[in-house]
Amino acid sequence: MAMEEQTDSTTAVPDITEDVATLAGSDDVTRYPIAPGYRVNVRTGPGTKYGIVRTLPYGMKVPVYCQKPGERVTGPYGTSNVWDNIANGQFVSDAYVHTGSDGYIAPRCD
């Protein structure tokens, strides 16, 4: 079981403050909160071996467009192999997203 690493202000991972407005857009999709107190890495695929695209800030809510099985990760919401697609080519472990379910809440990604 992998644990998705968390970042802090001393890492070289880019912050997404400039992208928060984009992620918080006005479309009608449901947004789910990231676990309180966590800055979660967004990756190019469903696992911790995929590259980091950005890091979500504290208190972020994200859309879940589709979900994909991948690496099993343990987080504040349990252990899961489900990864949430939050934007084109961008995934976060469902173990860090409060969807209210241990299973799939969106269609599977192609």
C-alpha atoms as a PDB file:
ATOM      1  CA  MET A   1       0.000   0.000   0.000  1.00  0.00           C
ATOM      2  CA  ALA A   2       1.394   3.341  -0.990  1.00  0.00           C
ATOM      3  CA  MET A   3       0.690   6.529   0.848  1.00  0.00           C
ATOM      4  CA  GLU A   4       0.398   9.604  -1.326  1.00  0.00           C
ATOM      5  CA  GLU A   5       3.064  11.970  -0.136  1.00  0.00           C
ATOM      6  CA  GLN A   6       2.073  15.409   1.039  1.00  0.00           C
ATOM      7  CA  THR A   7       3.945  18.551   0.206  1.00  0.00           C
ATOM      8  CA  ASP A   8       4.808  21.570   2.268  1.00  0.00           C
ATOM      9  CA  SER A   9       6.207  25.004   1.522  1.00  0.00           C
ATOM     10  CA  THR A  10       9.783  23.664   1.349  1.00  0.00           C
ATOM     11  CA  THR A  11       9.260  21.407  -1.676  1.00  0.00           C
ATOM     12  CA  ALA A  12       9.856  22.292  -5.288  1.00  0.00           C
ATOM     13  CA  VAL A  13       6.374  21.181  -6.379  1.00  0.00           C
ATOM     14  CA  PRO A  14       4.530  24.054  -8.047  1.00  0.00           C
ATOM     15  CA  ASP A  15       1.594  25.531  -6.172  1.00  0.00           C
ATOM     16  CA  ILE A  16      -1.687  26.053  -8.022  1.00  0.00           C
ATOM     17  CA  THR A  17      -2.877  29.314  -6.594  1.00  0.00           C
ATOM     18  CA  GLU A  18      -3.117  30.681 -10.113  1.00  0.00           C
ATOM     19  CA  ASP A  19      -5.244  27.686 -11.142  1.00  0.00           C
ATOM     20  CA  VAL A  20      -7.721  27.730  -8.251  1.00  0.00           C
ATOM     21  CA  ALA A  21     -10.103  29.968 -10.172  1.00  0.00           C
ATOM     22  CA  THR A  22      -9.968  27.541 -13.105  1.00  0.00           C
ATOM     23  CA  LEU A  23     -10.714  24.501 -10.910  1.00  0.00           C
ATOM     24  CA  ALA A  24     -13.460  26.398  -9.093  1.00  0.00           C
ATOM     25  CA  GLY A  25     -15.146  27.298 -12.398  1.00  0.00           C
ATOM     26  CA  SER A  26     -18.836  27.906 -12.757  1.00  0.00           C
ATOM     27  CA  ASP A  27     -19.858  24.649 -14.501  1.00  0.00           C
ATOM     28  CA  ASP A  28     -22.652  22.596 -12.951  1.00  0.00           C
ATOM     29  CA  VAL A  29     -20.543  19.626 -11.886  1.00  0.00           C
ATOM     30  CA  THR A  30     -20.534  18.506  -8.237  1.00  0.00           C
ATOM     31  CA  ARG A  31     -17.339  19.356  -6.344  1.00  0.00           C
ATOM     32  CA  TYR A  32     -15.952  17.242  -3.516  1.00  0.00           C
ATOM     33  CA  PRO A  33     -13.694  18.500  -0.708  1.00  0.00           C
ATOM     34  CA  ILE A  34     -10.104  17.403  -0.299  1.00  0.00           C
ATOM     35  CA  ALA A  35      -9.419  16.113   3.236  1.00  0.00           C
ATOM     36  CA  PRO A  36      -8.927  19.000   5.683  1.00  0.00           C
ATOM     37  CA  GLY A  37      -5.292  19.793   6.403  1.00  0.00           C
ATOM     38  CA  TYR A  38      -3.924  18.149   3.251  1.00  0.00           C
ATOM     39  CA  ARG A  39      -2.282  19.600   0.173  1.00  0.00           C
ATOM     40  CA  VAL A  40      -2.742  16.766  -2.312  1.00  0.00           C
ATOM     41  CA  ASN A  41      -0.544  16.078  -5.321  1.00  0.00           C
ATOM     42  CA  VAL A  42      -2.295  15.976  -8.694  1.00  0.00           C
ATOM     43  CA  ARG A  43      -0.710  13.410 -10.992  1.00  0.00           C
ATOM     44  CA  THR A  44      -0.730  12.573 -14.697  1.00  0.00           C
ATOM     45  CA  GLY A  45      -2.089   9.077 -14.039  1.00  0.00           C
ATOM     46  CA  PRO A  46      -3.591   6.789 -11.380  1.00  0.00           C
ATOM     47  CA  GLY A  47      -0.548   6.187  -9.184  1.00  0.00           C
ATOM     48  CA  THR A  48       2.265   7.804  -7.214  1.00  0.00           C
ATOM     49  CA  LYS A  49       4.810   6.875  -9.898  1.00  0.00           C
ATOM     50  CA  TYR A  50       3.125   9.297 -12.319  1.00  0.00           C
ATOM     51  CA  GLY A  51       4.454  12.832 -12.542  1.00  0.00           C
ATOM     52  CA  ILE A  52       3.100  15.612 -10.339  1.00  0.00           C
ATOM     53  CA  VAL A  53       1.213  18.264 -12.308  1.00  0.00           C
ATOM     54  CA  ARG A  54       0.397  20.525  -9.354  1.00  0.00           C
ATOM     55  CA  THR A  55      -0.469  20.496  -5.678  1.00  0.00           C
ATOM     56  CA  LEU A  56      -3.966  21.344  -4.479  1.00  0.00           C
ATOM     57  CA  PRO A  57      -4.139  23.989  -1.742  1.00  0.00           C
ATOM     58  CA  TYR A  58      -5.760  23.431   1.639  1.00  0.00           C
ATOM     59  CA  GLY A  59      -9.579  23.512   1.564  1.00  0.00           C
ATOM     60  CA  MET A  60      -9.879  22.812  -2.163  1.00  0.00           C
ATOM     61  CA  LYS A  61     -12.985  21.246  -3.698  1.00  0.00           C
ATOM     62  CA  VAL A  62     -12.593  19.316  -6.937  1.00  0.00           C
ATOM     63  CA  PRO A  63     -14.889  17.973  -9.643  1.00  0.00           C
ATOM     64  CA  VAL A  64     -14.761  14.241 -10.358  1.00  0.00           C
ATOM     65  CA  TYR A  65     -15.384  13.732 -14.070  1.00  0.00           C
ATOM     66  CA  CYS A  66     -14.539  10.028 -14.132  1.00  0.00           C
ATOM     67  CA  GLN A  67     -12.649   7.488 -12.038  1.00  0.00           C
ATOM     68  CA  LYS A  68     -10.012   4.896 -12.815  1.00  0.00           C
ATOM     69  CA  PRO A  69      -8.494   1.971 -10.927  1.00  0.00           C
ATOM     70  CA  GLY A  70      -4.802   2.308 -10.153  1.00  0.00           C
ATOM     71  CA  GLU A  71      -2.283   2.110  -7.345  1.00  0.00           C
ATOM     72  CA  ARG A  72      -3.707   1.385  -3.900  1.00  0.00           C
ATOM     73  CA  VAL A  73      -3.221   4.409  -1.625  1.00  0.00           C
ATOM     74  CA  THR A  74      -3.967   4.930   2.058  1.00  0.00           C
ATOM     75  CA  GLY A  75      -5.244   8.352   3.110  1.00  0.00           C
ATOM     76  CA  PRO A  76      -7.598  10.030   5.560  1.00  0.00           C
ATOM     77  CA  TYR A  77     -10.628   8.420   3.899  1.00  0.00           C
ATOM     78  CA  GLY A  78      -9.264   4.877   3.958  1.00  0.00           C
ATOM     79  CA  THR A  79      -7.363   2.735   1.483  1.00  0.00           C
ATOM     80  CA  SER A  80      -8.445   2.789  -2.127  1.00  0.00           C
ATOM     81  CA  ASN A  81      -7.244   1.955  -5.620  1.00  0.00           C
ATOM     82  CA  VAL A  82      -9.733   4.449  -7.113  1.00  0.00           C
ATOM     83  CA  TRP A  83      -8.272   7.603  -8.683  1.00  0.00           C
ATOM     84  CA  ASP A  84     -10.400  10.642  -9.500  1.00  0.00           C
ATOM     85  CA  ASN A  85      -9.983  12.501 -12.774  1.00  0.00           C
ATOM     86  CA  ILE A  86     -10.320  16.193 -11.847  1.00  0.00           C
ATOM     87  CA  ALA A  87      -9.240  17.693 -15.185  1.00  0.00           C
ATOM     88  CA  ASN A  88      -7.866  16.481 -18.508  1.00  0.00           C
ATOM     89  CA  GLY A  89      -4.994  14.106 -17.646  1.00  0.00           C
ATOM     90  CA  GLN A  90      -5.058  15.009 -13.942  1.00  0.00           C
ATOM     91  CA  PHE A  91      -5.724  12.492 -11.164  1.00  0.00           C
ATOM     92  CA  VAL A  92      -5.870  12.461  -7.361  1.00  0.00           C
ATOM     93  CA  SER A  93      -6.282   9.463  -5.100  1.00  0.00           C
ATOM     94  CA  ASP A  94      -9.871   9.018  -3.948  1.00  0.00           C
ATOM     95  CA  ALA A  95      -8.456   8.273  -0.472  1.00  0.00           C
ATOM     96  CA  TYR A  96      -7.985  12.067  -0.126  1.00  0.00           C
ATOM     97  CA  VAL A  97     -11.342  13.172  -1.594  1.00  0.00           C
ATOM     98  CA  HIS A  98     -14.540  13.126   0.479  1.00  0.00           C
ATOM     99  CA  THR A  99     -17.009  11.678  -2.039  1.00  0.00           C
ATOM    100  CA  GLY A 100     -19.157   9.997   0.613  1.00  0.00           C
ATOM    101  CA  SER A 101     -18.496   6.575  -0.902  1.00  0.00           C
ATOM    102  CA  ASP A 102     -15.807   3.892  -0.821  1.00  0.00           C
ATOM    103  CA  GLY A 103     -16.620   2.985  -4.408  1.00  0.00           C
ATOM    104  CA  TYR A 104     -17.157   4.654  -7.748  1.00  0.00           C
ATOM    105  CA  ILE A 105     -19.315   7.781  -7.811  1.00  0.00           C
ATOM    106  CA  ALA A 106     -18.584   8.698 -11.441  1.00  0.00           C
ATOM    107  CA  PRO A 107     -18.217   6.782 -14.702  1.00  0.00           C
ATOM    108  CA  ARG A 108     -14.961   4.909 -15.302  1.00  0.00           C
ATOM    109  CA  CYS A 109     -12.428   6.792 -17.386  1.00  0.00           C
ATOM    110  CA  ASP A 110     -11.612   5.348 -20.816  1.00  0.00           C
END
